[in-house]
Amino acid sequence: MNLKKEEVIPVEPNHVDLTFCFEERVVLEEAINKLNYIKDLKEITSSNSANAMSKSIGQQIDNLMRNQQKLEKEFEDLIVQKTKKVELVDQKSINELINRIEVNNYN
């Protein structure tokens, strides 16, 4: 059966041409597969971003805690020095230590 482009095949009243349905189904399945791929890729990317952000925040917290421990140790040392120097008569040294303690206490 040779048909020209313009010729139309007569269709029986109860006959349904499924060619277009099949083509549309293939196109829809491909679109759904691509959307699922993009969704999976997005989940992987967001998971990696979340892990990187979590790691960065953890490092910042760790740095802050180390800095806090260092400041606490300095404060303890200054208190020990102040206690030792209170026994001295040199009021100038005592005032310098008190000022250093106050400055560290407010940081």
PDB file of N, CA and C in Angstrom:
ATOM      1  N   MET A   1       0.853  -1.166   0.000  1.00  0.00           N
ATOM      2  CA  MET A   1       0.000   0.000   0.000  1.00  0.00           C
ATOM      3  C   MET A   1       0.899   1.228   0.000  1.00  0.00           C
ATOM      4  N   ASN A   2       1.001   1.897  -1.097  1.00  0.00           N
ATOM      5  CA  ASN A   2       1.783   3.120  -1.237  1.00  0.00           C
ATOM      6  C   ASN A   2       0.861   4.311  -1.079  1.00  0.00           C
ATOM      7  N   LEU A   3       1.211   5.144  -0.115  1.00  0.00           N
ATOM      8  CA  LEU A   3       0.382   6.318   0.143  1.00  0.00           C
ATOM      9  C   LEU A   3       1.204   7.573  -0.101  1.00  0.00           C
ATOM     10  N   LYS A   4       0.549   8.554  -0.615  1.00  0.00           N
ATOM     11  CA  LYS A   4       1.177   9.862  -0.719  1.00  0.00           C
ATOM     12  C   LYS A   4       0.963  10.574   0.604  1.00  0.00           C
ATOM     13  N   LYS A   5       1.747  11.606   0.862  1.00  0.00           N
ATOM     14  CA  LYS A   5       1.643  12.338   2.129  1.00  0.00           C
ATOM     15  C   LYS A   5       0.238  12.856   2.372  1.00  0.00           C
ATOM     16  N   GLU A   6      -0.396  13.303   1.374  1.00  0.00           N
ATOM     17  CA  GLU A   6      -1.690  13.935   1.564  1.00  0.00           C
ATOM     18  C   GLU A   6      -2.832  12.945   1.664  1.00  0.00           C
ATOM     19  N   GLU A   7      -2.558  11.710   1.312  1.00  0.00           N
ATOM     20  CA  GLU A   7      -3.636  10.726   1.358  1.00  0.00           C
ATOM     21  C   GLU A   7      -3.904  10.331   2.795  1.00  0.00           C
ATOM     22  N   VAL A   8      -5.123  10.142   3.115  1.00  0.00           N
ATOM     23  CA  VAL A   8      -5.531   9.746   4.456  1.00  0.00           C
ATOM     24  C   VAL A   8      -6.114   8.352   4.374  1.00  0.00           C
ATOM     25  N   ILE A   9      -5.691   7.548   5.323  1.00  0.00           N
ATOM     26  CA  ILE A   9      -6.242   6.197   5.368  1.00  0.00           C
ATOM     27  C   ILE A   9      -7.622   6.290   6.000  1.00  0.00           C
ATOM     28  N   PRO A  10      -8.604   5.719   5.393  1.00  0.00           N
ATOM     29  CA  PRO A  10      -9.926   5.744   6.012  1.00  0.00           C
ATOM     30  C   PRO A  10      -9.902   4.950   7.310  1.00  0.00           C
ATOM     31  N   VAL A  11     -10.483   5.493   8.329  1.00  0.00           N
ATOM     32  CA  VAL A  11     -10.499   4.856   9.643  1.00  0.00           C
ATOM     33  C   VAL A  11     -11.902   4.357   9.922  1.00  0.00           C
ATOM     34  N   GLU A  12     -11.941   3.155  10.401  1.00  0.00           N
ATOM     35  CA  GLU A  12     -13.232   2.595  10.774  1.00  0.00           C
ATOM     36  C   GLU A  12     -13.745   3.337  12.001  1.00  0.00           C
ATOM     37  N   PRO A  13     -15.032   3.403  12.205  1.00  0.00           N
ATOM     38  CA  PRO A  13     -15.582   4.171  13.327  1.00  0.00           C
ATOM     39  C   PRO A  13     -15.062   3.723  14.691  1.00  0.00           C
ATOM     40  N   ASN A  14     -14.838   2.465  14.909  1.00  0.00           N
ATOM     41  CA  ASN A  14     -14.392   1.972  16.222  1.00  0.00           C
ATOM     42  C   ASN A  14     -12.879   1.753  16.274  1.00  0.00           C
ATOM     43  N   HIS A  15     -12.168   2.151  15.244  1.00  0.00           N
ATOM     44  CA  HIS A  15     -10.722   1.944  15.171  1.00  0.00           C
ATOM     45  C   HIS A  15      -9.993   3.155  15.775  1.00  0.00           C
ATOM     46  N   VAL A  16      -9.026   2.889  16.651  1.00  0.00           N
ATOM     47  CA  VAL A  16      -8.236   3.958  17.266  1.00  0.00           C
ATOM     48  C   VAL A  16      -6.792   3.791  16.817  1.00  0.00           C
ATOM     49  N   ASP A  17      -6.217   4.852  16.305  1.00  0.00           N
ATOM     50  CA  ASP A  17      -4.828   4.816  15.872  1.00  0.00           C
ATOM     51  C   ASP A  17      -3.933   5.033  17.092  1.00  0.00           C
ATOM     52  N   LEU A  18      -3.241   3.978  17.511  1.00  0.00           N
ATOM     53  CA  LEU A  18      -2.419   4.034  18.717  1.00  0.00           C
ATOM     54  C   LEU A  18      -0.986   4.493  18.438  1.00  0.00           C
ATOM     55  N   THR A  19      -0.659   4.778  17.209  1.00  0.00           N
ATOM     56  CA  THR A  19       0.687   5.223  16.872  1.00  0.00           C
ATOM     57  C   THR A  19       1.037   6.499  17.628  1.00  0.00           C
ATOM     58  N   PHE A  20       0.134   7.452  17.614  1.00  0.00           N
ATOM     59  CA  PHE A  20       0.395   8.711  18.309  1.00  0.00           C
ATOM     60  C   PHE A  20       0.450   8.511  19.815  1.00  0.00           C
ATOM     61  N   CYS A  21      -0.398   7.634  20.323  1.00  0.00           N
ATOM     62  CA  CYS A  21      -0.382   7.355  21.765  1.00  0.00           C
ATOM     63  C   CYS A  21       0.964   6.770  22.175  1.00  0.00           C
ATOM     64  N   PHE A  22       1.490   5.858  21.381  1.00  0.00           N
ATOM     65  CA  PHE A  22       2.780   5.242  21.686  1.00  0.00           C
ATOM     66  C   PHE A  22       3.885   6.288  21.674  1.00  0.00           C
ATOM     67  N   GLU A  23       3.900   7.141  20.658  1.00  0.00           N
ATOM     68  CA  GLU A  23       4.922   8.180  20.562  1.00  0.00           C
ATOM     69  C   GLU A  23       4.839   9.137  21.742  1.00  0.00           C
ATOM     70  N   GLU A  24       3.640   9.529  22.105  1.00  0.00           N
ATOM     71  CA  GLU A  24       3.465  10.426  23.251  1.00  0.00           C
ATOM     72  C   GLU A  24       3.917   9.749  24.533  1.00  0.00           C
ATOM     73  N   ARG A  25       3.630   8.467  24.659  1.00  0.00           N
ATOM     74  CA  ARG A  25       4.032   7.733  25.866  1.00  0.00           C
ATOM     75  C   ARG A  25       5.552   7.687  25.967  1.00  0.00           C
ATOM     76  N   VAL A  26       6.225   7.427  24.858  1.00  0.00           N
ATOM     77  CA  VAL A  26       7.691   7.382  24.854  1.00  0.00           C
ATOM     78  C   VAL A  26       8.256   8.745  25.245  1.00  0.00           C
ATOM     79  N   VAL A  27       7.712   9.803  24.696  1.00  0.00           N
ATOM     80  CA  VAL A  27       8.176  11.151  25.012  1.00  0.00           C
ATOM     81  C   VAL A  27       7.953  11.451  26.494  1.00  0.00           C
ATOM     82  N   LEU A  28       6.787  11.094  27.013  1.00  0.00           N
ATOM     83  CA  LEU A  28       6.491  11.332  28.433  1.00  0.00           C
ATOM     84  C   LEU A  28       7.407  10.506  29.336  1.00  0.00           C
ATOM     85  N   GLU A  29       7.649   9.252  28.984  1.00  0.00           N
ATOM     86  CA  GLU A  29       8.544   8.421  29.797  1.00  0.00           C
ATOM     87  C   GLU A  29       9.956   8.998  29.823  1.00  0.00           C
ATOM     88  N   GLU A  30      10.432   9.457  28.683  1.00  0.00           N
ATOM     89  CA  GLU A  30      11.766  10.064  28.635  1.00  0.00           C
ATOM     90  C   GLU A  30      11.814  11.331  29.486  1.00  0.00           C
ATOM     91  N   ALA A  31      10.763  12.122  29.416  1.00  0.00           N
ATOM     92  CA  ALA A  31      10.718  13.355  30.218  1.00  0.00           C
ATOM     93  C   ALA A  31      10.716  13.018  31.706  1.00  0.00           C
ATOM     94  N   ILE A  32       9.938  12.010  32.083  1.00  0.00           N
ATOM     95  CA  ILE A  32       9.884  11.606  33.497  1.00  0.00           C
ATOM     96  C   ILE A  32      11.242  11.079  33.941  1.00  0.00           C
ATOM     97  N   ASN A  33      11.897  10.276  33.112  1.00  0.00           N
ATOM     98  CA  ASN A  33      13.230   9.761  33.460  1.00  0.00           C
ATOM     99  C   ASN A  33      14.226  10.895  33.645  1.00  0.00           C
ATOM    100  N   LYS A  34      14.167  11.893  32.786  1.00  0.00           N
ATOM    101  CA  LYS A  34      15.076  13.036  32.905  1.00  0.00           C
ATOM    102  C   LYS A  34      14.783  13.833  34.172  1.00  0.00           C
ATOM    103  N   LEU A  35      13.510  14.008  34.482  1.00  0.00           N
ATOM    104  CA  LEU A  35      13.153  14.729  35.710  1.00  0.00           C
ATOM    105  C   LEU A  35      13.614  13.961  36.948  1.00  0.00           C
ATOM    106  N   ASN A  36      13.472  12.642  36.932  1.00  0.00           N
ATOM    107  CA  ASN A  36      13.949  11.829  38.058  1.00  0.00           C
ATOM    108  C   ASN A  36      15.459  11.934  38.193  1.00  0.00           C
ATOM    109  N   TYR A  37      16.163  11.938  37.068  1.00  0.00           N
ATOM    110  CA  TYR A  37      17.617  12.084  37.092  1.00  0.00           C
ATOM    111  C   TYR A  37      18.011  13.430  37.703  1.00  0.00           C
ATOM    112  N   ILE A  38      17.323  14.484  37.285  1.00  0.00           N
ATOM    113  CA  ILE A  38      17.610  15.819  37.828  1.00  0.00           C
ATOM    114  C   ILE A  38      17.315  15.859  39.320  1.00  0.00           C
ATOM    115  N   LYS A  39      16.211  15.227  39.735  1.00  0.00           N
ATOM    116  CA  LYS A  39      15.855  15.197  41.160  1.00  0.00           C
ATOM    117  C   LYS A  39      16.936  14.474  41.959  1.00  0.00           C
ATOM    118  N   ASP A  40      17.394  13.312  41.452  1.00  0.00           N
ATOM    119  CA  ASP A  40      18.448  12.565  42.142  1.00  0.00           C
ATOM    120  C   ASP A  40      19.740  13.367  42.200  1.00  0.00           C
ATOM    121  N   LEU A  41      20.068  14.029  41.118  1.00  0.00           N
ATOM    122  CA  LEU A  41      21.275  14.848  41.079  1.00  0.00           C
ATOM    123  C   LEU A  41      21.179  16.001  42.076  1.00  0.00           C
ATOM    124  N   LYS A  42      19.997  16.596  42.155  1.00  0.00           N
ATOM    125  CA  LYS A  42      19.785  17.695  43.096  1.00  0.00           C
ATOM    126  C   LYS A  42      19.937  17.214  44.536  1.00  0.00           C
ATOM    127  N   GLU A  43      19.394  16.015  44.834  1.00  0.00           N
ATOM    128  CA  GLU A  43      19.508  15.476  46.187  1.00  0.00           C
ATOM    129  C   GLU A  43      20.958  15.211  46.551  1.00  0.00           C
ATOM    130  N   ILE A  44      21.721  14.666  45.599  1.00  0.00           N
ATOM    131  CA  ILE A  44      23.140  14.397  45.849  1.00  0.00           C
ATOM    132  C   ILE A  44      23.884  15.707  46.082  1.00  0.00           C
ATOM    133  N   THR A  45      23.608  16.702  45.243  1.00  0.00           N
ATOM    134  CA  THR A  45      24.276  17.995  45.359  1.00  0.00           C
ATOM    135  C   THR A  45      23.925  18.669  46.672  1.00  0.00           C
ATOM    136  N   SER A  46      22.636  18.660  47.033  1.00  0.00           N
ATOM    137  CA  SER A  46      22.238  19.321  48.276  1.00  0.00           C
ATOM    138  C   SER A  46      22.797  18.574  49.469  1.00  0.00           C
ATOM    139  N   SER A  47      22.900  17.251  49.375  1.00  0.00           N
ATOM    140  CA  SER A  47      23.488  16.471  50.457  1.00  0.00           C
ATOM    141  C   SER A  47      24.954  16.826  50.627  1.00  0.00           C
ATOM    142  N   ASN A  48      25.677  16.941  49.504  1.00  0.00           N
ATOM    143  CA  ASN A  48      27.090  17.330  49.575  1.00  0.00           C
ATOM    144  C   ASN A  48      27.235  18.741  50.128  1.00  0.00           C
ATOM    145  N   SER A  49      26.358  19.641  49.719  1.00  0.00           N
ATOM    146  CA  SER A  49      26.402  21.010  50.229  1.00  0.00           C
ATOM    147  C   SER A  49      26.128  21.036  51.719  1.00  0.00           C
ATOM    148  N   ALA A  50      25.155  20.243  52.146  1.00  0.00           N
ATOM    149  CA  ALA A  50      24.822  20.185  53.573  1.00  0.00           C
ATOM    150  C   ALA A  50      25.996  19.629  54.359  1.00  0.00           C
ATOM    151  N   ASN A  51      26.651  18.596  53.828  1.00  0.00           N
ATOM    152  CA  ASN A  51      27.807  18.026  54.515  1.00  0.00           C
ATOM    153  C   ASN A  51      28.942  19.039  54.605  1.00  0.00           C
ATOM    154  N   ALA A  52      29.181  19.757  53.522  1.00  0.00           N
ATOM    155  CA  ALA A  52      30.253  20.759  53.522  1.00  0.00           C
ATOM    156  C   ALA A  52      29.941  21.880  54.507  1.00  0.00           C
ATOM    157  N   MET A  53      28.675  22.327  54.517  1.00  0.00           N
ATOM    158  CA  MET A  53      28.294  23.391  55.432  1.00  0.00           C
ATOM    159  C   MET A  53      28.392  22.909  56.878  1.00  0.00           C
ATOM    160  N   SER A  54      27.947  21.683  57.137  1.00  0.00           N
ATOM    161  CA  SER A  54      28.022  21.124  58.483  1.00  0.00           C
ATOM    162  C   SER A  54      29.474  21.021  58.945  1.00  0.00           C
ATOM    163  N   LYS A  55      30.339  20.579  58.041  1.00  0.00           N
ATOM    164  CA  LYS A  55      31.765  20.465  58.379  1.00  0.00           C
ATOM    165  C   LYS A  55      32.352  21.840  58.673  1.00  0.00           C
ATOM    166  N   SER A  56      32.004  22.831  57.872  1.00  0.00           N
ATOM    167  CA  SER A  56      32.506  24.191  58.069  1.00  0.00           C
ATOM    168  C   SER A  56      32.049  24.758  59.407  1.00  0.00           C
ATOM    169  N   ILE A  57      30.775  24.557  59.719  1.00  0.00           N
ATOM    170  CA  ILE A  57      30.243  25.050  61.004  1.00  0.00           C
ATOM    171  C   ILE A  57      30.938  24.339  62.161  1.00  0.00           C
ATOM    172  N   GLY A  58      31.159  23.038  62.005  1.00  0.00           N
ATOM    173  CA  GLY A  58      31.869  22.279  63.044  1.00  0.00           C
ATOM    174  C   GLY A  58      33.267  22.813  63.272  1.00  0.00           C
ATOM    175  N   GLN A  59      33.969  23.147  62.187  1.00  0.00           N
ATOM    176  CA  GLN A  59      35.320  23.710  62.314  1.00  0.00           C
ATOM    177  C   GLN A  59      35.288  25.067  62.998  1.00  0.00           C
ATOM    178  N   GLN A  60      34.301  25.875  62.671  1.00  0.00           N
ATOM    179  CA  GLN A  60      34.186  27.191  63.310  1.00  0.00           C
ATOM    180  C   GLN A  60      33.929  27.037  64.804  1.00  0.00           C
ATOM    181  N   ILE A  61      33.053  26.121  65.167  1.00  0.00           N
ATOM    182  CA  ILE A  61      32.758  25.881  66.589  1.00  0.00           C
ATOM    183  C   ILE A  61      34.011  25.390  67.297  1.00  0.00           C
ATOM    184  N   ASP A  62      34.740  24.471  66.660  1.00  0.00           N
ATOM    185  CA  ASP A  62      35.971  23.944  67.242  1.00  0.00           C
ATOM    186  C   ASP A  62      36.987  25.062  67.469  1.00  0.00           C
ATOM    187  N   ASN A  63      37.144  25.942  66.481  1.00  0.00           N
ATOM    188  CA  ASN A  63      38.073  27.074  66.627  1.00  0.00           C
ATOM    189  C   ASN A  63      37.658  28.002  67.762  1.00  0.00           C
ATOM    190  N   LEU A  64      36.359  28.277  67.848  1.00  0.00           N
ATOM    191  CA  LEU A  64      35.865  29.146  68.921  1.00  0.00           C
ATOM    192  C   LEU A  64      36.104  28.514  70.299  1.00  0.00           C
ATOM    193  N   MET A  65      35.881  27.204  70.390  1.00  0.00           N
ATOM    194  CA  MET A  65      36.090  26.530  71.675  1.00  0.00           C
ATOM    195  C   MET A  65      37.567  26.547  72.072  1.00  0.00           C
ATOM    196  N   ARG A  66      38.469  26.320  71.102  1.00  0.00           N
ATOM    197  CA  ARG A  66      39.901  26.372  71.405  1.00  0.00           C
ATOM    198  C   ARG A  66      40.315  27.771  71.848  1.00  0.00           C
ATOM    199  N   ASN A  67      39.779  28.787  71.163  1.00  0.00           N
ATOM    200  CA  ASN A  67      40.089  30.163  71.528  1.00  0.00           C
ATOM    201  C   ASN A  67      39.572  30.473  72.933  1.00  0.00           C
ATOM    202  N   GLN A  68      38.373  29.986  73.244  1.00  0.00           N
ATOM    203  CA  GLN A  68      37.799  30.204  74.576  1.00  0.00           C
ATOM    204  C   GLN A  68      38.662  29.539  75.649  1.00  0.00           C
ATOM    205  N   GLN A  69      39.128  28.327  75.384  1.00  0.00           N
ATOM    206  CA  GLN A  69      39.995  27.635  76.345  1.00  0.00           C
ATOM    207  C   GLN A  69      41.305  28.399  76.550  1.00  0.00           C
ATOM    208  N   LYS A  70      41.842  28.927  75.459  1.00  0.00           N
ATOM    209  CA  LYS A  70      43.082  29.709  75.547  1.00  0.00           C
ATOM    210  C   LYS A  70      42.867  30.952  76.413  1.00  0.00           C
ATOM    211  N   LEU A  71      41.741  31.647  76.185  1.00  0.00           N
ATOM    212  CA  LEU A  71      41.442  32.847  76.984  1.00  0.00           C
ATOM    213  C   LEU A  71      41.235  32.501  78.459  1.00  0.00           C
ATOM    214  N   GLU A  72      40.572  31.386  78.721  1.00  0.00           N
ATOM    215  CA  GLU A  72      40.373  30.966  80.115  1.00  0.00           C
ATOM    216  C   GLU A  72      41.704  30.667  80.793  1.00  0.00           C
ATOM    217  N   LYS A  73      42.613  30.009  80.062  1.00  0.00           N
ATOM    218  CA  LYS A  73      43.939  29.696  80.611  1.00  0.00           C
ATOM    219  C   LYS A  73      44.706  30.988  80.895  1.00  0.00           C
ATOM    220  N   GLU A  74      44.665  31.943  79.959  1.00  0.00           N
ATOM    221  CA  GLU A  74      45.323  33.238  80.173  1.00  0.00           C
ATOM    222  C   GLU A  74      44.746  33.930  81.406  1.00  0.00           C
ATOM    223  N   PHE A  75      43.426  33.876  81.545  1.00  0.00           N
ATOM    224  CA  PHE A  75      42.776  34.508  82.690  1.00  0.00           C
ATOM    225  C   PHE A  75      43.244  33.866  83.994  1.00  0.00           C
ATOM    226  N   GLU A  76      43.323  32.539  84.010  1.00  0.00           N
ATOM    227  CA  GLU A  76      43.817  31.843  85.209  1.00  0.00           C
ATOM    228  C   GLU A  76      45.242  32.275  85.541  1.00  0.00           C
ATOM    229  N   ASP A  77      46.089  32.342  84.510  1.00  0.00           N
ATOM    230  CA  ASP A  77      47.480  32.754  84.729  1.00  0.00           C
ATOM    231  C   ASP A  77      47.559  34.172  85.288  1.00  0.00           C
ATOM    232  N   LEU A  78      46.737  35.066  84.763  1.00  0.00           N
ATOM    233  CA  LEU A  78      46.729  36.442  85.254  1.00  0.00           C
ATOM    234  C   LEU A  78      46.261  36.515  86.708  1.00  0.00           C
ATOM    235  N   ILE A  79      45.277  35.724  87.045  1.00  0.00           N
ATOM    236  CA  ILE A  79      44.797  35.698  88.434  1.00  0.00           C
ATOM    237  C   ILE A  79      45.908  35.200  89.363  1.00  0.00           C
ATOM    238  N   VAL A  80      46.638  34.170  88.933  1.00  0.00           N
ATOM    239  CA  VAL A  80      47.751  33.651  89.742  1.00  0.00           C
ATOM    240  C   VAL A  80      48.815  34.731  89.911  1.00  0.00           C
ATOM    241  N   GLN A  81      49.144  35.425  88.804  1.00  0.00           N
ATOM    242  CA  GLN A  81      50.138  36.496  88.894  1.00  0.00           C
ATOM    243  C   GLN A  81      49.669  37.607  89.825  1.00  0.00           C
ATOM    244  N   LYS A  82      48.399  37.952  89.737  1.00  0.00           N
ATOM    245  CA  LYS A  82      47.858  39.007  90.600  1.00  0.00           C
ATOM    246  C   LYS A  82      47.959  38.585  92.060  1.00  0.00           C
ATOM    247  N   THR A  83      47.609  37.344  92.318  1.00  0.00           N
ATOM    248  CA  THR A  83      47.652  36.855  93.700  1.00  0.00           C
ATOM    249  C   THR A  83      49.075  36.916  94.248  1.00  0.00           C
ATOM    250  N   LYS A  84      50.031  36.550  93.413  1.00  0.00           N
ATOM    251  CA  LYS A  84      51.429  36.589  93.857  1.00  0.00           C
ATOM    252  C   LYS A  84      51.903  38.021  94.068  1.00  0.00           C
ATOM    253  N   LYS A  85      51.461  38.934  93.249  1.00  0.00           N
ATOM    254  CA  LYS A  85      51.952  40.312  93.313  1.00  0.00           C
ATOM    255  C   LYS A  85      51.214  41.164  94.329  1.00  0.00           C
ATOM    256  N   VAL A  86      50.086  40.690  94.808  1.00  0.00           N
ATOM    257  CA  VAL A  86      49.371  41.465  95.815  1.00  0.00           C
ATOM    258  C   VAL A  86      50.238  41.609  97.055  1.00  0.00           C
ATOM    259  N   GLU A  87      51.073  40.617  97.255  1.00  0.00           N
ATOM    260  CA  GLU A  87      51.952  40.666  98.413  1.00  0.00           C
ATOM    261  C   GLU A  87      53.061  41.703  98.247  1.00  0.00           C
ATOM    262  N   LEU A  88      53.312  42.114  97.024  1.00  0.00           N
ATOM    263  CA  LEU A  88      54.348  43.108  96.777  1.00  0.00           C
ATOM    264  C   LEU A  88      53.822  44.505  97.086  1.00  0.00           C
ATOM    265  N   VAL A  89      54.744  45.417  97.290  1.00  0.00           N
ATOM    266  CA  VAL A  89      54.375  46.772  97.619  1.00  0.00           C
ATOM    267  C   VAL A  89      54.207  47.618  96.348  1.00  0.00           C
ATOM    268  N   ASP A  90      54.678  47.138  95.238  1.00  0.00           N
ATOM    269  CA  ASP A  90      54.666  47.893  93.991  1.00  0.00           C
ATOM    270  C   ASP A  90      53.233  48.005  93.459  1.00  0.00           C
ATOM    271  N   GLN A  91      52.583  49.098  93.766  1.00  0.00           N
ATOM    272  CA  GLN A  91      51.183  49.306  93.373  1.00  0.00           C
ATOM    273  C   GLN A  91      51.049  49.448  91.861  1.00  0.00           C
ATOM    274  N   LYS A  92      52.068  49.957  91.197  1.00  0.00           N
ATOM    275  CA  LYS A  92      52.021  50.128  89.750  1.00  0.00           C
ATOM    276  C   LYS A  92      51.871  48.767  89.047  1.00  0.00           C
ATOM    277  N   SER A  93      52.638  47.776  89.445  1.00  0.00           N
ATOM    278  CA  SER A  93      52.553  46.428  88.860  1.00  0.00           C
ATOM    279  C   SER A  93      51.183  45.813  89.116  1.00  0.00           C
ATOM    280  N   ILE A  94      50.678  46.054  90.320  1.00  0.00           N
ATOM    281  CA  ILE A  94      49.356  45.513  90.671  1.00  0.00           C
ATOM    282  C   ILE A  94      48.287  46.133  89.770  1.00  0.00           C
ATOM    283  N   ASN A  95      48.339  47.447  89.592  1.00  0.00           N
ATOM    284  CA  ASN A  95      47.354  48.125  88.732  1.00  0.00           C
ATOM    285  C   ASN A  95      47.442  47.647  87.277  1.00  0.00           C
ATOM    286  N   GLU A  96      48.660  47.410  86.773  1.00  0.00           N
ATOM    287  CA  GLU A  96      48.817  46.905  85.405  1.00  0.00           C
ATOM    288  C   GLU A  96      48.165  45.527  85.253  1.00  0.00           C
ATOM    289  N   LEU A  97      48.398  44.675  86.255  1.00  0.00           N
ATOM    290  CA  LEU A  97      47.786  43.338  86.215  1.00  0.00           C
ATOM    291  C   LEU A  97      46.268  43.420  86.294  1.00  0.00           C
ATOM    292  N   ILE A  98      45.764  44.283  87.135  1.00  0.00           N
ATOM    293  CA  ILE A  98      44.307  44.443  87.253  1.00  0.00           C
ATOM    294  C   ILE A  98      43.723  44.911  85.927  1.00  0.00           C
ATOM    295  N   ASN A  99      44.392  45.851  85.280  1.00  0.00           N
ATOM    296  CA  ASN A  99      43.924  46.328  83.967  1.00  0.00           C
ATOM    297  C   ASN A  99      43.936  45.216  82.928  1.00  0.00           C
ATOM    298  N   ARG A 100      44.998  44.406  82.912  1.00  0.00           N
ATOM    299  CA  ARG A 100      45.064  43.285  81.943  1.00  0.00           C
ATOM    300  C   ARG A 100      43.951  42.271  82.213  1.00  0.00           C
ATOM    301  N   ILE A 101      43.683  42.021  83.486  1.00  0.00           N
ATOM    302  CA  ILE A 101      42.616  41.069  83.843  1.00  0.00           C
ATOM    303  C   ILE A 101      41.269  41.615  83.383  1.00  0.00           C
ATOM    304  N   GLU A 102      41.036  42.887  83.630  1.00  0.00           N
ATOM    305  CA  GLU A 102      39.762  43.484  83.231  1.00  0.00           C
ATOM    306  C   GLU A 102      39.593  43.472  81.719  1.00  0.00           C
ATOM    307  N   VAL A 103      40.656  43.769  80.991  1.00  0.00           N
ATOM    308  CA  VAL A 103      40.576  43.762  79.522  1.00  0.00           C
ATOM    309  C   VAL A 103      40.278  42.347  79.010  1.00  0.00           C
ATOM    310  N   ASN A 104      40.961  41.341  79.539  1.00  0.00           N
ATOM    311  CA  ASN A 104      40.710  39.961  79.134  1.00  0.00           C
ATOM    312  C   ASN A 104      39.340  39.470  79.564  1.00  0.00           C
ATOM    313  N   ASN A 105      38.883  39.964  80.692  1.00  0.00           N
ATOM    314  CA  ASN A 105      37.575  39.542  81.200  1.00  0.00           C
ATOM    315  C   ASN A 105      36.451  40.023  80.287  1.00  0.00           C
ATOM    316  N   TYR A 106      36.623  41.181  79.666  1.00  0.00           N
ATOM    317  CA  TYR A 106      35.580  41.729  78.795  1.00  0.00           C
ATOM    318  C   TYR A 106      35.670  41.178  77.385  1.00  0.00           C
ATOM    319  N   ASN A 107      36.765  40.537  77.009  1.00  0.00           N
ATOM    320  CA  ASN A 107      36.897  39.934  75.670  1.00  0.00           C
ATOM    321  C   ASN A 107      36.293  38.596  75.736  1.00  0.00           C
TER     322      ASN A 107
END
